[in-house]
Amino acid sequence: QIQFVESGGGLVQPGGSLNLSCAASGDISYYVMAWYRQPPGKAREWVAMIARGGTPTYVDDVEGRFTISRDNARNSVSLRMNNMIPEDTAAYYCASRPLGRNLWGQGTQVTVSS
């Protein structure tokens, strides 16, 4: 089992940027990795994923604004968020996709507000 620990969230104004980081307790090189988010009162959904070889995929809502990256040597995954909008407000989580036997972290809260 791999445990994930997210960090880097906070309050940002519309149009601003944030960098999220995810540290994994084990080897992530065998996994597709993803960032998920859960807005208040809504279900968790994936927003960005990155293949083992590094190819990224995004949902339409974040395409062109978010950038996912991974460092297999450090067992870490990052999410760069630019041009943020209020609809990006959510708790953000990283995990393997699918989760399988791995464990969700506590997430990191992102709030976009003026």
Protein backbone atom coordinates (compact mmCIF):
# COMPACT_ATOMS: atom_id res chain seq x y z
CA GLN A 1 0.00 0.00 0.00
CA ILE A 2 1.11 3.53 -0.78
CA GLN A 3 0.03 6.54 1.26
CA PHE A 4 -0.15 9.97 -0.36
CA VAL A 5 0.40 13.31 1.37
CA GLU A 6 -0.74 16.49 -0.35
CA SER A 7 0.44 20.04 0.38
CA GLY A 8 0.48 23.51 -1.08
CA GLY A 9 -3.15 24.54 -0.89
CA GLY A 10 -4.40 27.88 0.32
CA LEU A 11 -6.39 30.97 -0.52
CA VAL A 12 -5.76 32.56 -3.91
CA GLN A 13 -7.47 35.38 -5.80
CA PRO A 14 -9.15 34.74 -9.16
CA GLY A 15 -6.50 34.75 -11.86
CA GLY A 16 -3.82 33.65 -9.41
CA SER A 17 -1.67 30.53 -9.29
CA LEU A 18 -0.84 27.72 -6.88
CA ASN A 19 1.54 24.77 -6.90
CA LEU A 20 0.35 21.58 -5.24
CA SER A 21 2.74 18.82 -4.22
CA CYS A 22 2.16 15.17 -3.44
CA ALA A 23 4.60 12.88 -1.65
CA ALA A 24 4.11 9.14 -1.88
CA SER A 25 5.32 6.61 0.68
CA GLY A 26 6.32 4.09 -1.96
CA ASP A 27 7.34 3.55 -5.56
CA ILE A 28 4.91 5.28 -7.93
CA SER A 29 6.72 4.40 -11.14
CA TYR A 30 4.33 1.53 -11.90
CA TYR A 31 1.22 3.67 -11.58
CA VAL A 32 -0.76 6.15 -13.57
CA MET A 33 -1.02 9.07 -11.16
CA ALA A 34 -3.79 11.63 -10.91
CA TRP A 35 -4.99 14.70 -9.10
CA TYR A 36 -8.58 14.66 -7.96
CA ARG A 37 -10.72 17.36 -6.42
CA GLN A 38 -13.87 17.43 -4.35
CA PRO A 39 -15.83 20.70 -4.33
CA PRO A 40 -18.06 21.40 -1.31
CA GLY A 41 -21.11 19.15 -1.40
CA LYS A 42 -20.02 17.33 -4.55
CA ALA A 43 -18.38 14.05 -5.45
CA ARG A 44 -14.64 13.61 -5.90
CA GLU A 45 -13.52 13.71 -9.54
CA TRP A 46 -10.23 13.44 -11.32
CA VAL A 47 -8.97 16.58 -13.05
CA ALA A 48 -5.50 15.63 -14.30
CA MET A 49 -3.66 12.38 -14.81
CA ILE A 50 -0.18 11.45 -15.96
CA ALA A 51 0.86 8.17 -17.50
CA ARG A 52 3.88 6.20 -16.35
CA GLY A 53 5.81 7.60 -19.31
CA GLY A 54 4.78 11.18 -18.52
CA THR A 55 1.92 11.84 -20.96
CA PRO A 56 -0.66 14.10 -19.28
CA THR A 57 -4.44 14.16 -19.71
CA TYR A 58 -6.82 16.82 -18.39
CA VAL A 59 -10.53 17.32 -18.06
CA ASP A 60 -11.89 20.13 -20.21
CA ASP A 61 -12.45 22.46 -17.24
CA VAL A 62 -8.72 22.70 -16.47
CA GLU A 63 -7.14 22.10 -19.89
CA GLY A 64 -4.66 24.88 -20.63
CA ARG A 65 -4.63 26.14 -17.03
CA PHE A 66 -3.32 23.17 -15.02
CA THR A 67 -0.08 21.24 -15.54
CA ILE A 68 0.61 17.88 -13.92
CA SER A 69 4.12 16.50 -13.58
CA ARG A 70 5.79 13.58 -11.86
CA ASP A 71 9.21 12.71 -10.48
CA ASN A 72 9.44 8.94 -10.13
CA ALA A 73 12.88 9.13 -8.51
CA ARG A 74 11.40 11.19 -5.68
CA ASN A 75 8.00 9.47 -5.67
CA SER A 76 6.30 12.80 -6.08
CA VAL A 77 3.62 14.39 -8.24
CA SER A 78 2.89 18.09 -8.70
CA LEU A 79 0.05 20.20 -10.03
CA ARG A 80 0.63 23.72 -11.25
CA MET A 81 -2.62 25.71 -11.39
CA ASN A 82 -2.77 29.01 -13.31
CA ASN A 83 -5.54 31.47 -14.10
CA MET A 84 -7.58 30.06 -11.29
CA ILE A 85 -11.32 30.63 -11.05
CA PRO A 86 -13.78 30.32 -8.14
CA GLU A 87 -15.00 27.00 -9.54
CA ASP A 88 -11.56 25.54 -8.76
CA THR A 89 -12.38 25.78 -5.06
CA ALA A 90 -12.15 22.25 -3.65
CA ALA A 91 -10.16 19.82 -1.56
CA TYR A 92 -7.44 18.40 -3.81
CA TYR A 93 -6.06 14.88 -3.57
CA CYS A 94 -3.45 12.91 -5.44
CA ALA A 95 -3.52 9.17 -5.86
CA SER A 96 -2.89 6.38 -8.26
CA ARG A 97 -5.56 5.84 -10.89
CA PRO A 98 -7.17 3.51 -10.12
CA LEU A 99 -6.63 3.75 -6.37
CA GLY A 100 -6.50 -0.01 -5.95
CA ARG A 101 -5.01 -0.98 -2.58
CA ASN A 102 -3.40 2.42 -2.09
CA LEU A 103 -4.71 4.94 0.41
CA TRP A 104 -6.23 8.38 0.03
CA GLY A 105 -4.41 11.20 1.78
CA GLN A 106 -5.99 14.00 3.78
CA GLY A 107 -6.00 16.32 0.79
CA THR A 108 -5.17 20.01 0.64
CA GLN A 109 -7.80 22.75 0.55
CA VAL A 110 -7.78 25.27 -2.28
CA THR A 111 -10.02 28.32 -2.11
CA VAL A 112 -10.30 30.81 -4.97
CA SER A 113 -11.91 34.01 -3.81
CA SER A 114 -11.42 37.75 -3.87
